[in-house]
N, C-alpha and C. Protein backbone atom coordinates (compact mmCIF):
# COMPACT_ATOMS: atom_id res chain seq x y z
N MET A 1 43.83 -55.58 49.67
CA MET A 1 44.64 -55.59 50.87
C MET A 1 45.51 -54.35 50.95
N TRP A 2 46.03 -53.91 49.81
CA TRP A 2 46.90 -52.73 49.84
C TRP A 2 46.13 -51.49 50.24
N ALA A 3 44.84 -51.47 49.94
CA ALA A 3 44.03 -50.33 50.36
C ALA A 3 43.95 -50.26 51.87
N VAL A 4 43.80 -51.41 52.51
CA VAL A 4 43.74 -51.45 53.97
C VAL A 4 45.10 -51.11 54.56
N THR A 5 46.17 -51.65 53.98
CA THR A 5 47.52 -51.34 54.46
C THR A 5 47.81 -49.85 54.32
N GLY A 6 47.46 -49.28 53.18
CA GLY A 6 47.67 -47.86 52.97
C GLY A 6 46.88 -47.02 53.94
N TRP A 7 45.63 -47.43 54.20
CA TRP A 7 44.79 -46.72 55.15
C TRP A 7 45.40 -46.77 56.55
N ALA A 8 45.87 -47.95 56.95
CA ALA A 8 46.45 -48.10 58.29
C ALA A 8 47.70 -47.24 58.43
N VAL A 9 48.56 -47.24 57.44
CA VAL A 9 49.79 -46.45 57.50
C VAL A 9 49.47 -44.96 57.49
N ALA A 10 48.54 -44.55 56.65
CA ALA A 10 48.18 -43.13 56.59
C ALA A 10 47.56 -42.67 57.91
N THR A 11 46.71 -43.51 58.49
CA THR A 11 46.10 -43.16 59.77
C THR A 11 47.15 -43.07 60.86
N TRP A 12 48.08 -44.01 60.87
CA TRP A 12 49.16 -43.99 61.87
C TRP A 12 50.01 -42.73 61.72
N LEU A 13 50.36 -42.37 60.50
CA LEU A 13 51.18 -41.18 60.29
C LEU A 13 50.44 -39.91 60.75
N LYS A 14 49.16 -39.81 60.43
CA LYS A 14 48.39 -38.63 60.84
C LYS A 14 48.31 -38.52 62.36
N LEU A 15 48.01 -39.62 63.01
CA LEU A 15 47.89 -39.58 64.46
C LEU A 15 49.23 -39.35 65.15
N THR A 16 50.30 -39.91 64.61
CA THR A 16 51.63 -39.69 65.17
C THR A 16 52.03 -38.22 65.01
N ALA A 17 51.73 -37.64 63.86
CA ALA A 17 52.02 -36.22 63.65
C ALA A 17 51.22 -35.35 64.60
N LEU A 18 49.96 -35.71 64.82
CA LEU A 18 49.12 -34.96 65.75
C LEU A 18 49.68 -35.03 67.17
N LEU A 19 50.12 -36.21 67.59
CA LEU A 19 50.73 -36.35 68.92
C LEU A 19 52.02 -35.54 69.03
N ALA A 20 52.82 -35.55 67.98
CA ALA A 20 54.07 -34.79 67.99
C ALA A 20 53.80 -33.29 68.10
N VAL A 21 52.79 -32.82 67.39
CA VAL A 21 52.44 -31.40 67.47
C VAL A 21 51.95 -31.06 68.87
N ALA A 22 51.13 -31.93 69.44
CA ALA A 22 50.61 -31.68 70.80
C ALA A 22 51.75 -31.60 71.81
N VAL A 23 52.70 -32.52 71.74
CA VAL A 23 53.84 -32.49 72.66
C VAL A 23 54.69 -31.25 72.39
N GLY A 24 54.84 -30.89 71.13
CA GLY A 24 55.60 -29.68 70.80
C GLY A 24 54.96 -28.42 71.35
N VAL A 25 53.66 -28.34 71.30
CA VAL A 25 52.96 -27.18 71.86
C VAL A 25 53.14 -27.12 73.37
N VAL A 26 53.03 -28.27 74.03
CA VAL A 26 53.23 -28.30 75.48
C VAL A 26 54.67 -27.89 75.81
N TRP A 27 55.62 -28.32 75.00
CA TRP A 27 57.02 -27.95 75.22
C TRP A 27 57.21 -26.44 75.07
N LEU A 28 56.58 -25.86 74.04
CA LEU A 28 56.71 -24.41 73.84
C LEU A 28 56.06 -23.61 74.96
N VAL A 29 54.94 -24.10 75.47
CA VAL A 29 54.21 -23.36 76.49
C VAL A 29 54.85 -23.52 77.86
N TYR A 30 55.19 -24.75 78.24
CA TYR A 30 55.65 -25.03 79.60
C TYR A 30 57.15 -25.29 79.73
N GLY A 31 57.82 -25.69 78.66
CA GLY A 31 59.24 -26.03 78.74
C GLY A 31 59.43 -27.44 79.29
N THR A 32 60.69 -27.87 79.30
CA THR A 32 60.97 -29.24 79.74
C THR A 32 61.05 -29.37 81.25
N GLY A 33 61.12 -28.27 81.97
CA GLY A 33 61.21 -28.32 83.42
C GLY A 33 59.87 -28.56 84.10
N SER A 34 58.80 -28.50 83.32
CA SER A 34 57.47 -28.64 83.89
C SER A 34 57.03 -30.10 83.91
N GLY A 35 56.25 -30.44 84.89
CA GLY A 35 55.68 -31.79 84.94
C GLY A 35 54.67 -32.01 83.83
N TRP A 36 54.07 -30.93 83.34
CA TRP A 36 53.10 -31.07 82.25
C TRP A 36 53.74 -31.60 80.99
N PHE A 37 54.98 -31.18 80.72
CA PHE A 37 55.68 -31.67 79.52
C PHE A 37 55.89 -33.17 79.61
N TRP A 38 56.37 -33.64 80.75
CA TRP A 38 56.64 -35.07 80.90
C TRP A 38 55.36 -35.88 80.95
N THR A 39 54.31 -35.30 81.47
CA THR A 39 53.01 -35.97 81.44
C THR A 39 52.51 -36.08 80.00
N ALA A 40 52.69 -35.03 79.22
CA ALA A 40 52.28 -35.07 77.81
C ALA A 40 53.10 -36.09 77.03
N CYS A 41 54.40 -36.19 77.33
CA CYS A 41 55.24 -37.20 76.66
C CYS A 41 54.79 -38.61 77.00
N ALA A 42 54.51 -38.85 78.27
CA ALA A 42 54.06 -40.18 78.68
C ALA A 42 52.70 -40.50 78.05
N ALA A 43 51.81 -39.53 78.02
CA ALA A 43 50.50 -39.74 77.41
C ALA A 43 50.63 -40.02 75.91
N ALA A 44 51.55 -39.33 75.25
CA ALA A 44 51.77 -39.55 73.82
C ALA A 44 52.30 -40.95 73.56
N VAL A 45 53.20 -41.42 74.40
CA VAL A 45 53.73 -42.78 74.24
C VAL A 45 52.63 -43.81 74.43
N LEU A 46 51.83 -43.63 75.47
CA LEU A 46 50.73 -44.56 75.70
C LEU A 46 49.71 -44.53 74.57
N ALA A 47 49.41 -43.34 74.07
CA ALA A 47 48.47 -43.22 72.95
C ALA A 47 49.04 -43.89 71.70
N GLU A 48 50.33 -43.73 71.47
CA GLU A 48 50.97 -44.35 70.31
C GLU A 48 50.89 -45.87 70.39
N VAL A 49 51.14 -46.43 71.56
CA VAL A 49 51.04 -47.88 71.73
C VAL A 49 49.62 -48.34 71.47
N TRP A 50 48.65 -47.61 72.02
CA TRP A 50 47.24 -47.97 71.83
C TRP A 50 46.84 -47.89 70.36
N ILE A 51 47.30 -46.84 69.66
CA ILE A 51 46.99 -46.67 68.24
C ILE A 51 47.60 -47.79 67.41
N VAL A 52 48.86 -48.11 67.66
CA VAL A 52 49.54 -49.15 66.88
C VAL A 52 48.88 -50.51 67.11
N ARG A 53 48.52 -50.80 68.35
CA ARG A 53 47.86 -52.08 68.63
C ARG A 53 46.51 -52.17 67.93
N GLY A 54 45.75 -51.09 67.94
CA GLY A 54 44.45 -51.09 67.28
C GLY A 54 44.57 -51.24 65.77
N LEU A 55 45.47 -50.47 65.17
CA LEU A 55 45.64 -50.54 63.72
C LEU A 55 46.21 -51.89 63.29
N SER A 56 47.13 -52.44 64.05
CA SER A 56 47.69 -53.75 63.67
C SER A 56 46.63 -54.84 63.82
N GLY A 57 45.76 -54.71 64.80
CA GLY A 57 44.67 -55.68 64.93
C GLY A 57 43.72 -55.64 63.74
N GLU A 58 43.37 -54.42 63.31
CA GLU A 58 42.51 -54.30 62.14
C GLU A 58 43.20 -54.81 60.88
N TRP A 59 44.48 -54.50 60.75
CA TRP A 59 45.22 -54.97 59.58
C TRP A 59 45.31 -56.49 59.57
N ALA A 60 45.58 -57.09 60.72
CA ALA A 60 45.69 -58.55 60.79
C ALA A 60 44.35 -59.21 60.49
N TYR A 61 43.26 -58.62 60.95
CA TYR A 61 41.94 -59.17 60.66
C TYR A 61 41.70 -59.16 59.15
N GLU A 62 42.03 -58.08 58.50
CA GLU A 62 41.86 -57.99 57.05
C GLU A 62 42.80 -58.96 56.33
N ALA A 63 44.02 -59.13 56.84
CA ALA A 63 44.96 -60.05 56.22
C ALA A 63 44.46 -61.49 56.31
N ARG A 64 43.90 -61.85 57.46
CA ARG A 64 43.38 -63.21 57.60
C ARG A 64 42.20 -63.46 56.67
N ALA A 65 41.43 -62.43 56.39
CA ALA A 65 40.25 -62.57 55.55
C ALA A 65 40.59 -62.55 54.05
N SER A 66 41.80 -62.17 53.72
CA SER A 66 42.16 -62.04 52.30
C SER A 66 42.76 -63.34 51.77
N TRP A 67 42.92 -63.41 50.48
CA TRP A 67 43.38 -64.63 49.83
C TRP A 67 44.85 -64.93 50.11
N TRP A 68 45.67 -63.91 50.28
CA TRP A 68 47.10 -64.17 50.39
C TRP A 68 47.49 -64.69 51.75
N TRP A 69 46.64 -64.59 52.74
CA TRP A 69 46.95 -65.12 54.06
C TRP A 69 46.41 -66.53 54.21
N ALA A 70 45.44 -66.88 53.39
CA ALA A 70 44.76 -68.18 53.52
C ALA A 70 45.74 -69.32 53.21
N LYS A 71 45.46 -70.47 53.83
CA LYS A 71 46.32 -71.65 53.60
C LYS A 71 46.04 -72.27 52.26
């Protein structure tokens, strides 16, 4: 189970860092006055929600299948 938990956390950290870099690049190129920056921020938030929901679903599936979650 810890292997799956570690994988989920590592994947989340990598993807969150990638989103932060992408928003940072848009900020450097366009600045905060541009609509592209705010669009990138909104897209990053939506992507983060989608990523967290997917990873938590996979983690919960593995937790239900493991011995420590069983009744």
